[in-house]
N, C-alpha and C. Protein backbone atom coordinates (compact mmCIF):
# COMPACT_ATOMS: atom_id res chain seq x y z
N MET A 1 -7.78 -4.35 27.71
CA MET A 1 -6.59 -5.16 27.97
C MET A 1 -6.20 -5.90 26.68
N ASP A 2 -4.92 -5.83 26.34
CA ASP A 2 -4.46 -6.51 25.14
C ASP A 2 -4.60 -8.02 25.31
N PRO A 3 -4.94 -8.72 24.23
CA PRO A 3 -4.99 -10.18 24.31
C PRO A 3 -3.59 -10.76 24.45
N THR A 4 -3.51 -11.97 24.95
CA THR A 4 -2.22 -12.66 25.07
C THR A 4 -2.08 -13.64 23.91
N PRO A 5 -0.84 -14.02 23.58
CA PRO A 5 -0.67 -15.02 22.53
C PRO A 5 -1.41 -16.32 22.82
N ALA A 6 -1.44 -16.73 24.09
CA ALA A 6 -2.15 -17.97 24.44
C ALA A 6 -3.64 -17.84 24.16
N GLU A 7 -4.21 -16.69 24.48
CA GLU A 7 -5.64 -16.47 24.23
C GLU A 7 -5.93 -16.47 22.73
N VAL A 8 -5.07 -15.84 21.97
CA VAL A 8 -5.27 -15.81 20.51
C VAL A 8 -5.10 -17.20 19.93
N ALA A 9 -4.10 -17.95 20.39
CA ALA A 9 -3.89 -19.31 19.89
C ALA A 9 -5.11 -20.19 20.16
N ALA A 10 -5.70 -20.04 21.33
CA ALA A 10 -6.86 -20.85 21.69
C ALA A 10 -8.07 -20.53 20.81
N ARG A 11 -8.11 -19.32 20.28
CA ARG A 11 -9.26 -18.88 19.47
C ARG A 11 -8.94 -18.80 17.99
N ALA A 12 -7.81 -19.28 17.56
CA ALA A 12 -7.37 -19.09 16.18
C ALA A 12 -8.41 -19.58 15.18
N ASP A 13 -8.93 -20.77 15.37
CA ASP A 13 -9.93 -21.30 14.42
C ASP A 13 -11.18 -20.44 14.40
N GLU A 14 -11.61 -20.01 15.58
CA GLU A 14 -12.80 -19.15 15.67
C GLU A 14 -12.57 -17.82 14.96
N LEU A 15 -11.39 -17.24 15.15
CA LEU A 15 -11.08 -15.95 14.52
C LEU A 15 -11.04 -16.07 13.01
N VAL A 16 -10.46 -17.16 12.52
CA VAL A 16 -10.42 -17.40 11.07
C VAL A 16 -11.83 -17.52 10.52
N GLU A 17 -12.67 -18.29 11.19
CA GLU A 17 -14.04 -18.49 10.70
C GLU A 17 -14.82 -17.18 10.73
N THR A 18 -14.63 -16.38 11.76
CA THR A 18 -15.31 -15.09 11.82
C THR A 18 -14.86 -14.18 10.68
N TYR A 19 -13.57 -14.19 10.39
CA TYR A 19 -13.08 -13.39 9.26
C TYR A 19 -13.74 -13.84 7.96
N ARG A 20 -13.78 -15.14 7.75
CA ARG A 20 -14.39 -15.67 6.52
C ARG A 20 -15.85 -15.24 6.39
N GLU A 21 -16.54 -15.16 7.50
CA GLU A 21 -17.97 -14.84 7.47
C GLU A 21 -18.24 -13.34 7.36
N THR A 22 -17.29 -12.51 7.78
CA THR A 22 -17.59 -11.08 7.89
C THR A 22 -16.76 -10.17 6.99
N ALA A 23 -15.57 -10.60 6.59
CA ALA A 23 -14.71 -9.71 5.80
C ALA A 23 -15.28 -9.53 4.39
N PRO A 24 -15.52 -8.30 3.96
CA PRO A 24 -16.16 -8.11 2.66
C PRO A 24 -15.33 -8.58 1.48
N PHE A 25 -14.01 -8.58 1.63
CA PHE A 25 -13.15 -8.97 0.51
C PHE A 25 -12.71 -10.43 0.57
N TYR A 26 -13.22 -11.19 1.57
CA TYR A 26 -12.71 -12.54 1.75
C TYR A 26 -12.79 -13.41 0.50
N PRO A 27 -13.93 -13.49 -0.22
CA PRO A 27 -13.99 -14.40 -1.37
C PRO A 27 -12.93 -14.10 -2.43
N VAL A 28 -12.73 -12.80 -2.76
CA VAL A 28 -11.76 -12.46 -3.79
C VAL A 28 -10.34 -12.60 -3.25
N GLU A 29 -10.13 -12.33 -1.97
CA GLU A 29 -8.82 -12.55 -1.36
C GLU A 29 -8.44 -14.02 -1.41
N ALA A 30 -9.37 -14.88 -1.05
CA ALA A 30 -9.08 -16.31 -1.03
C ALA A 30 -8.70 -16.81 -2.42
N GLU A 31 -9.41 -16.34 -3.43
CA GLU A 31 -9.09 -16.72 -4.80
C GLU A 31 -7.71 -16.20 -5.20
N ALA A 32 -7.40 -14.96 -4.81
CA ALA A 32 -6.11 -14.38 -5.17
C ALA A 32 -4.96 -15.09 -4.48
N VAL A 33 -5.13 -15.42 -3.20
CA VAL A 33 -4.08 -16.14 -2.48
C VAL A 33 -3.82 -17.49 -3.13
N GLU A 34 -4.87 -18.11 -3.62
CA GLU A 34 -4.75 -19.42 -4.25
C GLU A 34 -4.06 -19.36 -5.61
N SER A 35 -4.28 -18.29 -6.36
CA SER A 35 -3.87 -18.31 -7.76
C SER A 35 -2.89 -17.23 -8.20
N LEU A 36 -2.85 -16.10 -7.50
CA LEU A 36 -2.12 -14.96 -8.04
C LEU A 36 -0.61 -15.18 -8.05
N GLY A 37 -0.06 -15.79 -7.01
CA GLY A 37 1.38 -16.04 -6.99
C GLY A 37 1.82 -16.89 -8.17
N ASP A 38 1.07 -17.95 -8.46
CA ASP A 38 1.41 -18.81 -9.59
C ASP A 38 1.29 -18.05 -10.91
N ALA A 39 0.27 -17.19 -11.01
CA ALA A 39 0.09 -16.41 -12.23
C ALA A 39 1.26 -15.45 -12.43
N PHE A 40 1.69 -14.80 -11.37
CA PHE A 40 2.84 -13.89 -11.47
C PHE A 40 4.09 -14.65 -11.93
N ARG A 41 4.32 -15.81 -11.33
CA ARG A 41 5.52 -16.58 -11.67
C ARG A 41 5.47 -17.09 -13.11
N ALA A 42 4.27 -17.41 -13.59
CA ALA A 42 4.13 -17.93 -14.95
C ALA A 42 4.06 -16.81 -15.98
N GLY A 43 4.00 -15.58 -15.52
CA GLY A 43 3.84 -14.46 -16.45
C GLY A 43 2.44 -14.36 -17.00
N ASP A 44 1.51 -15.08 -16.38
CA ASP A 44 0.13 -15.13 -16.88
C ASP A 44 -0.72 -14.09 -16.13
N TYR A 45 -0.40 -12.84 -16.34
CA TYR A 45 -1.12 -11.78 -15.66
C TYR A 45 -1.03 -10.51 -16.50
N GLY A 46 -1.88 -9.58 -16.17
CA GLY A 46 -1.86 -8.29 -16.86
C GLY A 46 -1.72 -7.16 -15.87
N ARG A 47 -1.67 -5.96 -16.39
CA ARG A 47 -1.52 -4.78 -15.55
C ARG A 47 -2.59 -4.74 -14.45
N ARG A 48 -3.82 -5.13 -14.80
CA ARG A 48 -4.90 -5.03 -13.82
C ARG A 48 -4.66 -5.91 -12.61
N ASP A 49 -3.95 -7.01 -12.78
CA ASP A 49 -3.67 -7.88 -11.64
C ASP A 49 -2.74 -7.19 -10.65
N VAL A 50 -1.72 -6.52 -11.18
CA VAL A 50 -0.82 -5.77 -10.29
C VAL A 50 -1.58 -4.61 -9.65
N GLU A 51 -2.37 -3.91 -10.43
CA GLU A 51 -3.15 -2.80 -9.89
C GLU A 51 -4.14 -3.29 -8.83
N TRP A 52 -4.68 -4.49 -9.02
CA TRP A 52 -5.62 -5.03 -8.04
C TRP A 52 -4.95 -5.19 -6.68
N VAL A 53 -3.71 -5.69 -6.65
CA VAL A 53 -3.00 -5.84 -5.38
C VAL A 53 -2.82 -4.49 -4.72
N ILE A 54 -2.47 -3.46 -5.50
CA ILE A 54 -2.30 -2.13 -4.93
C ILE A 54 -3.62 -1.62 -4.36
N ARG A 55 -4.71 -1.79 -5.12
CA ARG A 55 -6.02 -1.35 -4.62
C ARG A 55 -6.40 -2.10 -3.36
N TRP A 56 -6.15 -3.41 -3.38
CA TRP A 56 -6.49 -4.24 -2.21
C TRP A 56 -5.76 -3.75 -0.97
N TYR A 57 -4.50 -3.41 -1.11
CA TYR A 57 -3.71 -3.00 0.06
C TYR A 57 -4.39 -1.85 0.79
N PHE A 58 -4.93 -0.90 0.06
CA PHE A 58 -5.56 0.25 0.69
C PHE A 58 -7.03 0.00 1.02
N ARG A 59 -7.75 -0.62 0.12
CA ARG A 59 -9.21 -0.70 0.26
C ARG A 59 -9.65 -1.76 1.24
N ARG A 60 -8.79 -2.68 1.62
CA ARG A 60 -9.16 -3.71 2.60
C ARG A 60 -9.47 -3.09 3.95
N ARG A 61 -9.01 -1.87 4.18
CA ARG A 61 -9.29 -1.20 5.46
C ARG A 61 -10.75 -0.77 5.55
N VAL A 62 -11.40 -0.62 4.41
CA VAL A 62 -12.83 -0.33 4.29
C VAL A 62 -13.23 0.99 4.94
N ASP A 63 -13.12 1.09 6.26
CA ASP A 63 -13.67 2.24 6.97
C ASP A 63 -12.62 3.28 7.34
N ALA A 64 -11.36 3.06 6.96
CA ALA A 64 -10.30 4.00 7.35
C ALA A 64 -9.31 4.16 6.21
N ILE A 65 -9.82 4.36 5.02
CA ILE A 65 -8.96 4.47 3.85
C ILE A 65 -8.43 5.89 3.73
N ASP A 66 -7.13 6.01 3.52
CA ASP A 66 -6.54 7.30 3.17
C ASP A 66 -6.68 7.44 1.66
N HIS A 67 -7.77 8.07 1.23
CA HIS A 67 -8.07 8.10 -0.20
C HIS A 67 -7.05 8.90 -1.00
N ALA A 68 -6.49 9.93 -0.40
CA ALA A 68 -5.48 10.71 -1.12
C ALA A 68 -4.25 9.86 -1.41
N GLU A 69 -3.80 9.14 -0.39
CA GLU A 69 -2.64 8.27 -0.59
C GLU A 69 -2.96 7.16 -1.57
N ARG A 70 -4.15 6.56 -1.40
CA ARG A 70 -4.55 5.47 -2.31
C ARG A 70 -4.56 5.94 -3.75
N ARG A 71 -5.19 7.07 -4.02
CA ARG A 71 -5.27 7.57 -5.39
C ARG A 71 -3.89 7.87 -5.96
N ALA A 72 -3.02 8.45 -5.13
CA ALA A 72 -1.68 8.80 -5.60
C ALA A 72 -0.91 7.55 -6.03
N VAL A 73 -0.98 6.50 -5.22
CA VAL A 73 -0.26 5.26 -5.55
C VAL A 73 -0.88 4.58 -6.76
N GLU A 74 -2.20 4.47 -6.76
CA GLU A 74 -2.87 3.82 -7.88
C GLU A 74 -2.58 4.53 -9.19
N GLU A 75 -2.63 5.84 -9.18
CA GLU A 75 -2.39 6.59 -10.41
C GLU A 75 -0.95 6.47 -10.87
N ALA A 76 -0.02 6.44 -9.91
CA ALA A 76 1.39 6.29 -10.27
C ALA A 76 1.63 4.93 -10.92
N VAL A 77 1.03 3.88 -10.36
CA VAL A 77 1.21 2.54 -10.94
C VAL A 77 0.53 2.45 -12.30
N GLU A 78 -0.62 3.08 -12.43
CA GLU A 78 -1.32 3.08 -13.72
C GLU A 78 -0.48 3.73 -14.82
N ASP A 79 0.35 4.69 -14.44
CA ASP A 79 1.17 5.39 -15.42
C ASP A 79 2.44 4.62 -15.78
N ALA A 80 2.77 3.58 -15.03
CA ALA A 80 3.98 2.81 -15.32
C ALA A 80 3.80 2.02 -16.61
N ALA A 81 4.88 1.91 -17.37
CA ALA A 81 4.84 1.14 -18.61
C ALA A 81 4.70 -0.35 -18.30
N PRO A 82 3.97 -1.10 -19.13
CA PRO A 82 3.84 -2.54 -18.89
C PRO A 82 5.18 -3.24 -18.72
N ARG A 83 6.17 -2.84 -19.50
CA ARG A 83 7.49 -3.46 -19.39
C ARG A 83 8.10 -3.18 -18.02
N GLU A 84 7.84 -1.98 -17.49
CA GLU A 84 8.35 -1.62 -16.16
C GLU A 84 7.71 -2.49 -15.08
N LEU A 85 6.40 -2.69 -15.17
CA LEU A 85 5.71 -3.54 -14.19
C LEU A 85 6.24 -4.97 -14.25
N ARG A 86 6.32 -5.51 -15.44
CA ARG A 86 6.77 -6.90 -15.57
C ARG A 86 8.23 -7.05 -15.14
N GLY A 87 9.05 -6.07 -15.50
CA GLY A 87 10.45 -6.16 -15.11
C GLY A 87 10.63 -6.16 -13.61
N ALA A 88 9.88 -5.31 -12.92
CA ALA A 88 9.98 -5.26 -11.46
C ALA A 88 9.53 -6.57 -10.82
N LEU A 89 8.44 -7.13 -11.32
CA LEU A 89 7.95 -8.39 -10.76
C LEU A 89 8.92 -9.53 -11.05
N TRP A 90 9.44 -9.59 -12.28
CA TRP A 90 10.39 -10.65 -12.60
C TRP A 90 11.62 -10.56 -11.71
N ASP A 91 12.15 -9.37 -11.51
CA ASP A 91 13.32 -9.21 -10.65
C ASP A 91 13.01 -9.63 -9.22
N ALA A 92 11.83 -9.26 -8.72
CA ALA A 92 11.45 -9.65 -7.37
C ALA A 92 11.31 -11.16 -7.25
N ILE A 93 10.65 -11.76 -8.23
CA ILE A 93 10.45 -13.22 -8.21
C ILE A 93 11.78 -13.95 -8.30
N ASP A 94 12.67 -13.48 -9.15
CA ASP A 94 13.99 -14.11 -9.27
C ASP A 94 14.72 -14.07 -7.93
N ALA A 95 14.64 -12.93 -7.23
CA ALA A 95 15.32 -12.82 -5.93
C ALA A 95 14.71 -13.78 -4.92
N LEU A 96 13.37 -13.84 -4.86
CA LEU A 96 12.72 -14.72 -3.89
C LEU A 96 12.99 -16.18 -4.21
N ASP A 97 12.95 -16.54 -5.46
CA ASP A 97 13.19 -17.93 -5.84
C ASP A 97 14.64 -18.33 -5.57
N GLU A 98 15.54 -17.37 -5.74
CA GLU A 98 16.94 -17.63 -5.41
C GLU A 98 17.08 -17.91 -3.92
N ALA A 99 16.40 -17.12 -3.10
CA ALA A 99 16.46 -17.32 -1.66
C ALA A 99 15.88 -18.68 -1.27
N ALA A 100 14.75 -19.05 -1.87
CA ALA A 100 14.13 -20.33 -1.56
C ALA A 100 15.03 -21.49 -1.98
N ARG A 101 15.67 -21.32 -3.12
CA ARG A 101 16.53 -22.39 -3.66
C ARG A 101 17.80 -22.55 -2.84
N ASP A 102 18.39 -21.42 -2.44
CA ASP A 102 19.69 -21.47 -1.77
C ASP A 102 19.57 -21.43 -0.26
N GLY A 103 18.35 -21.27 0.26
CA GLY A 103 18.17 -21.20 1.70
C GLY A 103 18.63 -19.89 2.30
N GLU A 104 18.73 -18.85 1.48
CA GLU A 104 19.18 -17.54 1.98
C GLU A 104 18.01 -16.85 2.65
N GLU A 105 18.24 -16.39 3.88
CA GLU A 105 17.22 -15.64 4.58
C GLU A 105 17.73 -14.27 4.99
N ARG A 106 18.94 -14.20 5.53
CA ARG A 106 19.39 -12.93 6.08
C ARG A 106 20.90 -12.84 5.98
N SER A 107 21.41 -11.73 5.55
CA SER A 107 22.83 -11.44 5.58
C SER A 107 23.09 -10.54 6.77
N ASP A 108 24.27 -10.68 7.38
CA ASP A 108 24.56 -9.81 8.51
C ASP A 108 25.04 -8.43 8.06
N GLY A 109 25.18 -8.24 6.77
CA GLY A 109 25.52 -6.93 6.24
C GLY A 109 26.98 -6.55 6.42
N GLU A 110 27.82 -7.46 6.94
CA GLU A 110 29.21 -7.14 7.18
C GLU A 110 30.05 -7.45 5.95
N GLY A 111 31.11 -6.69 5.80
CA GLY A 111 32.04 -6.95 4.71
C GLY A 111 31.37 -6.88 3.36
N ASP A 112 31.64 -7.89 2.54
CA ASP A 112 31.10 -7.93 1.20
C ASP A 112 29.90 -8.87 1.09
N ALA A 113 29.30 -9.22 2.21
CA ALA A 113 28.16 -10.13 2.18
C ALA A 113 27.04 -9.52 1.36
N PRO A 114 26.37 -10.32 0.54
CA PRO A 114 25.29 -9.79 -0.30
C PRO A 114 24.09 -9.38 0.54
N ARG A 115 23.28 -8.49 -0.02
CA ARG A 115 22.04 -8.10 0.65
C ARG A 115 21.09 -9.29 0.64
N PRO A 116 20.22 -9.39 1.64
CA PRO A 116 19.24 -10.48 1.63
C PRO A 116 18.42 -10.46 0.35
N ALA A 117 18.05 -11.62 -0.12
CA ALA A 117 17.32 -11.72 -1.39
C ALA A 117 16.00 -10.96 -1.33
N HIS A 118 15.31 -11.02 -0.18
CA HIS A 118 14.02 -10.32 -0.14
C HIS A 118 14.21 -8.81 -0.12
N HIS A 119 15.37 -8.33 0.31
CA HIS A 119 15.65 -6.90 0.19
C HIS A 119 15.82 -6.54 -1.29
N ARG A 120 16.44 -7.42 -2.04
CA ARG A 120 16.57 -7.15 -3.48
C ARG A 120 15.20 -7.18 -4.14
N ALA A 121 14.31 -8.05 -3.65
CA ALA A 121 12.94 -8.07 -4.17
C ALA A 121 12.23 -6.77 -3.84
N LEU A 122 12.41 -6.29 -2.61
CA LEU A 122 11.79 -5.02 -2.24
C LEU A 122 12.36 -3.87 -3.07
N ASP A 123 13.66 -3.91 -3.33
CA ASP A 123 14.28 -2.89 -4.18
C ASP A 123 13.60 -2.84 -5.55
N ALA A 124 13.40 -4.03 -6.12
CA ALA A 124 12.80 -4.10 -7.45
C ALA A 124 11.38 -3.53 -7.44
N LEU A 125 10.60 -3.90 -6.44
CA LEU A 125 9.20 -3.47 -6.40
C LEU A 125 9.08 -1.98 -6.06
N THR A 126 9.95 -1.48 -5.20
CA THR A 126 9.86 -0.07 -4.84
C THR A 126 10.46 0.83 -5.92
N ASP A 127 11.04 0.24 -6.94
CA ASP A 127 11.42 1.04 -8.11
C ASP A 127 10.19 1.46 -8.91
N LEU A 128 9.07 0.75 -8.70
CA LEU A 128 7.84 1.14 -9.37
C LEU A 128 7.35 2.47 -8.80
N PRO A 129 6.86 3.36 -9.63
CA PRO A 129 6.41 4.66 -9.13
C PRO A 129 5.28 4.50 -8.12
N GLY A 130 5.43 5.20 -6.99
CA GLY A 130 4.39 5.20 -5.98
C GLY A 130 4.45 4.06 -4.97
N VAL A 131 5.25 3.05 -5.24
CA VAL A 131 5.27 1.86 -4.38
C VAL A 131 6.37 2.00 -3.33
N ASP A 132 5.99 1.93 -2.05
CA ASP A 132 6.97 1.93 -0.98
C ASP A 132 7.07 0.52 -0.40
N VAL A 133 7.87 0.36 0.65
CA VAL A 133 8.11 -0.97 1.20
C VAL A 133 6.82 -1.60 1.72
N ALA A 134 5.95 -0.81 2.36
CA ALA A 134 4.71 -1.36 2.89
C ALA A 134 3.82 -1.88 1.77
N VAL A 135 3.66 -1.10 0.71
CA VAL A 135 2.84 -1.55 -0.42
C VAL A 135 3.50 -2.74 -1.10
N ALA A 136 4.82 -2.71 -1.23
CA ALA A 136 5.54 -3.83 -1.85
C ALA A 136 5.33 -5.12 -1.06
N SER A 137 5.15 -5.01 0.27
CA SER A 137 4.93 -6.21 1.07
C SER A 137 3.66 -6.94 0.66
N ALA A 138 2.68 -6.19 0.13
CA ALA A 138 1.45 -6.84 -0.35
C ALA A 138 1.75 -7.73 -1.55
N LEU A 139 2.58 -7.24 -2.46
CA LEU A 139 2.97 -8.06 -3.62
C LEU A 139 3.76 -9.27 -3.16
N LEU A 140 4.68 -9.08 -2.20
CA LEU A 140 5.43 -10.23 -1.68
C LEU A 140 4.50 -11.24 -1.02
N TRP A 141 3.48 -10.74 -0.31
CA TRP A 141 2.56 -11.65 0.38
C TRP A 141 1.81 -12.53 -0.60
N PHE A 142 1.33 -11.96 -1.69
CA PHE A 142 0.63 -12.78 -2.66
C PHE A 142 1.58 -13.73 -3.38
N LEU A 143 2.85 -13.38 -3.46
CA LEU A 143 3.83 -14.29 -4.05
C LEU A 143 4.15 -15.45 -3.11
N ASP A 144 4.21 -15.18 -1.80
CA ASP A 144 4.59 -16.22 -0.85
C ASP A 144 4.09 -15.83 0.55
N PRO A 145 2.81 -16.09 0.85
CA PRO A 145 2.23 -15.62 2.12
C PRO A 145 2.86 -16.23 3.36
N ASP A 146 3.47 -17.40 3.24
CA ASP A 146 4.07 -18.02 4.42
C ASP A 146 5.40 -17.39 4.81
N ARG A 147 6.07 -16.77 3.86
CA ARG A 147 7.38 -16.19 4.14
C ARG A 147 7.36 -14.68 4.30
N PHE A 148 6.37 -14.02 3.69
CA PHE A 148 6.41 -12.57 3.64
C PHE A 148 5.06 -11.96 4.03
N PRO A 149 4.85 -11.73 5.32
CA PRO A 149 3.57 -11.15 5.76
C PRO A 149 3.41 -9.72 5.27
N VAL A 150 2.20 -9.36 4.92
CA VAL A 150 1.92 -7.98 4.53
C VAL A 150 1.95 -7.11 5.78
N VAL A 151 2.48 -5.90 5.64
CA VAL A 151 2.61 -5.02 6.80
C VAL A 151 1.85 -3.71 6.57
N GLY A 152 1.23 -3.26 7.61
CA GLY A 152 0.57 -1.95 7.67
C GLY A 152 0.48 -1.58 9.13
N ASP A 153 -0.05 -0.40 9.43
CA ASP A 153 -0.08 0.01 10.83
C ASP A 153 -0.95 -0.89 11.68
N ARG A 154 -2.03 -1.42 11.12
CA ARG A 154 -2.90 -2.31 11.91
C ARG A 154 -2.19 -3.62 12.24
N GLU A 155 -1.59 -4.23 11.22
CA GLU A 155 -0.87 -5.49 11.44
C GLU A 155 0.26 -5.28 12.45
N TRP A 156 0.99 -4.19 12.28
CA TRP A 156 2.11 -3.91 13.19
C TRP A 156 1.61 -3.79 14.62
N ARG A 157 0.49 -3.09 14.82
CA ARG A 157 -0.01 -2.89 16.17
C ARG A 157 -0.35 -4.20 16.85
N VAL A 158 -1.01 -5.11 16.12
CA VAL A 158 -1.39 -6.39 16.71
C VAL A 158 -0.16 -7.23 17.02
N VAL A 159 0.75 -7.33 16.06
CA VAL A 159 1.95 -8.14 16.28
C VAL A 159 2.77 -7.58 17.42
N ALA A 160 2.87 -6.25 17.51
CA ALA A 160 3.62 -5.64 18.62
C ALA A 160 2.98 -5.97 19.97
N ALA A 161 1.65 -6.02 20.01
CA ALA A 161 0.95 -6.33 21.27
C ALA A 161 1.17 -7.78 21.69
N LEU A 162 1.48 -8.64 20.74
CA LEU A 162 1.59 -10.08 21.03
C LEU A 162 3.02 -10.59 21.05
N THR A 163 3.98 -9.72 20.75
CA THR A 163 5.39 -10.11 20.69
C THR A 163 6.23 -8.99 21.30
N ASP A 164 7.54 -9.10 21.15
CA ASP A 164 8.43 -8.04 21.63
C ASP A 164 8.77 -7.02 20.55
N LEU A 165 8.01 -7.01 19.45
CA LEU A 165 8.19 -6.00 18.41
C LEU A 165 7.95 -4.62 19.01
N ASP A 166 8.79 -3.64 18.63
CA ASP A 166 8.61 -2.28 19.12
C ASP A 166 7.23 -1.78 18.73
N ALA A 167 6.60 -1.04 19.64
CA ALA A 167 5.19 -0.70 19.48
C ALA A 167 4.92 0.34 18.40
N GLY A 168 5.81 1.29 18.22
CA GLY A 168 5.54 2.40 17.30
C GLY A 168 5.70 2.02 15.84
N TYR A 169 4.63 2.24 15.07
CA TYR A 169 4.73 1.98 13.63
C TYR A 169 5.69 2.99 13.02
N PRO A 170 6.64 2.55 12.21
CA PRO A 170 7.66 3.47 11.67
C PRO A 170 7.04 4.60 10.85
N ASP A 171 7.62 5.79 10.99
CA ASP A 171 7.18 6.91 10.15
C ASP A 171 7.41 6.57 8.68
N ARG A 172 8.46 5.85 8.41
CA ARG A 172 8.76 5.40 7.05
C ARG A 172 9.15 3.93 7.13
N MET A 173 8.39 3.09 6.45
CA MET A 173 8.71 1.68 6.45
C MET A 173 9.97 1.44 5.62
N THR A 174 10.95 0.78 6.22
CA THR A 174 12.20 0.46 5.56
C THR A 174 12.37 -1.06 5.52
N PRO A 175 13.29 -1.57 4.71
CA PRO A 175 13.54 -3.01 4.74
C PRO A 175 13.93 -3.50 6.13
N ALA A 176 14.71 -2.71 6.87
CA ALA A 176 15.10 -3.13 8.22
C ALA A 176 13.88 -3.20 9.15
N ALA A 177 12.99 -2.22 9.06
CA ALA A 177 11.77 -2.24 9.86
C ALA A 177 10.89 -3.42 9.46
N TYR A 178 10.80 -3.66 8.16
CA TYR A 178 10.02 -4.81 7.70
C TYR A 178 10.60 -6.10 8.24
N ASP A 179 11.92 -6.20 8.30
CA ASP A 179 12.54 -7.41 8.84
C ASP A 179 12.16 -7.63 10.29
N ARG A 180 12.11 -6.56 11.07
CA ARG A 180 11.70 -6.71 12.48
C ARG A 180 10.27 -7.23 12.57
N TYR A 181 9.41 -6.65 11.75
CA TYR A 181 8.02 -7.10 11.73
C TYR A 181 7.92 -8.54 11.24
N ARG A 182 8.64 -8.84 10.19
CA ARG A 182 8.59 -10.18 9.61
C ARG A 182 9.07 -11.23 10.61
N ASP A 183 10.17 -10.96 11.30
CA ASP A 183 10.68 -11.92 12.27
C ASP A 183 9.68 -12.14 13.39
N ALA A 184 9.10 -11.05 13.91
CA ALA A 184 8.11 -11.18 14.98
C ALA A 184 6.87 -11.92 14.50
N SER A 185 6.45 -11.64 13.28
CA SER A 185 5.25 -12.29 12.73
C SER A 185 5.47 -13.78 12.55
N ARG A 186 6.62 -14.15 12.05
CA ARG A 186 6.88 -15.58 11.83
C ARG A 186 6.97 -16.34 13.15
N THR A 187 7.56 -15.70 14.15
CA THR A 187 7.60 -16.33 15.47
C THR A 187 6.19 -16.49 16.03
N LEU A 188 5.38 -15.45 15.87
CA LEU A 188 4.00 -15.50 16.36
C LEU A 188 3.18 -16.52 15.59
N ALA A 189 3.33 -16.58 14.28
CA ALA A 189 2.59 -17.56 13.48
C ALA A 189 2.92 -18.98 13.92
N ASP A 190 4.19 -19.23 14.22
CA ASP A 190 4.58 -20.56 14.72
C ASP A 190 3.89 -20.85 16.05
N ARG A 191 3.83 -19.86 16.91
CA ARG A 191 3.19 -20.06 18.21
C ARG A 191 1.70 -20.30 18.06
N LEU A 192 1.09 -19.62 17.10
CA LEU A 192 -0.35 -19.80 16.88
C LEU A 192 -0.65 -21.03 16.04
N ASP A 193 0.40 -21.60 15.43
CA ASP A 193 0.27 -22.80 14.58
C ASP A 193 -0.65 -22.53 13.39
N VAL A 194 -0.36 -21.44 12.68
CA VAL A 194 -1.14 -21.08 11.50
C VAL A 194 -0.21 -20.78 10.34
N ASP A 195 -0.71 -20.97 9.13
CA ASP A 195 0.07 -20.61 7.96
C ASP A 195 -0.11 -19.11 7.67
N GLY A 196 0.53 -18.63 6.60
CA GLY A 196 0.53 -17.20 6.33
C GLY A 196 -0.83 -16.61 6.06
N TRP A 197 -1.70 -17.34 5.39
CA TRP A 197 -3.04 -16.85 5.08
C TRP A 197 -3.90 -16.81 6.33
N ARG A 198 -3.86 -17.88 7.13
CA ARG A 198 -4.62 -17.90 8.37
C ARG A 198 -4.07 -16.87 9.36
N PHE A 199 -2.76 -16.66 9.35
CA PHE A 199 -2.17 -15.63 10.20
C PHE A 199 -2.76 -14.26 9.87
N TYR A 200 -2.85 -13.97 8.59
CA TYR A 200 -3.43 -12.68 8.19
C TYR A 200 -4.85 -12.53 8.71
N MET A 201 -5.65 -13.58 8.56
CA MET A 201 -7.04 -13.50 9.01
C MET A 201 -7.14 -13.33 10.52
N VAL A 202 -6.31 -14.05 11.26
CA VAL A 202 -6.30 -13.93 12.72
C VAL A 202 -5.94 -12.51 13.13
N ILE A 203 -4.89 -11.96 12.52
CA ILE A 203 -4.44 -10.63 12.88
C ILE A 203 -5.54 -9.59 12.62
N GLN A 204 -6.24 -9.72 11.50
CA GLN A 204 -7.30 -8.76 11.20
C GLN A 204 -8.42 -8.83 12.23
N ARG A 205 -8.77 -10.02 12.66
CA ARG A 205 -9.84 -10.15 13.64
C ARG A 205 -9.40 -9.67 15.02
N VAL A 206 -8.16 -9.93 15.39
CA VAL A 206 -7.68 -9.42 16.67
C VAL A 206 -7.71 -7.90 16.68
N TYR A 207 -7.32 -7.30 15.56
CA TYR A 207 -7.37 -5.84 15.50
C TYR A 207 -8.82 -5.36 15.64
N ALA A 208 -9.73 -5.99 14.91
CA ALA A 208 -11.13 -5.56 14.95
C ALA A 208 -11.71 -5.67 16.35
N GLU A 209 -11.36 -6.70 17.07
CA GLU A 209 -11.93 -6.92 18.40
C GLU A 209 -11.25 -6.10 19.50
N ALA A 210 -9.93 -5.92 19.38
CA ALA A 210 -9.18 -5.34 20.49
C ALA A 210 -8.79 -3.88 20.29
N PHE A 211 -8.69 -3.44 19.05
CA PHE A 211 -8.11 -2.11 18.82
C PHE A 211 -8.93 -1.18 17.96
N GLU A 212 -9.85 -1.70 17.18
CA GLU A 212 -10.60 -0.84 16.26
C GLU A 212 -11.38 0.20 17.04
N GLY A 213 -11.30 1.44 16.61
CA GLY A 213 -12.00 2.50 17.29
C GLY A 213 -11.19 3.23 18.32
N ASP A 214 -9.96 2.71 18.62
CA ASP A 214 -9.11 3.39 19.59
C ASP A 214 -8.67 4.77 19.06
């Protein structure tokens, strides 16, 4: 039986603590969440920092890694020129900071209305070789975990079980699909009364307890 939002909310602290005690990548994740966004914004990072986020996106699954996909993305990013990596990140950061400054969240797409700033950020990041919207969401998450949850099939499944998000993980993650996930995630995070980092930990534990092995 799928858990209910009320049940998850009641156990949120317990789920976070269990994640901290059991997740193999927790110590390095916690450090990255604390420091990586500021480093990206300050330009105080190297190629390996960007590559680390890409590796993390795939390797955090530990027991269900698609190694062929992981290697293809990692190798594509490794082949990108340093200027290309920095340019993509700067463009993404500029778009997100513009949104934060101006309060822009969503355009209705009608007429000549501009695209949402985070869509422009996704455009910049997915210009990098091998990076799609799902992988780009990992970079957005480290830049601003409270506004941009990382998305993958596991996260989608849990959020769909706890909200009205459509259940089927998209065959191809698009900005519009990410928006549906993001809206549902932010609503759920508010209900659980957790920030973006704690939300991630809760979702991972719910998946491990309720869905892993299905």
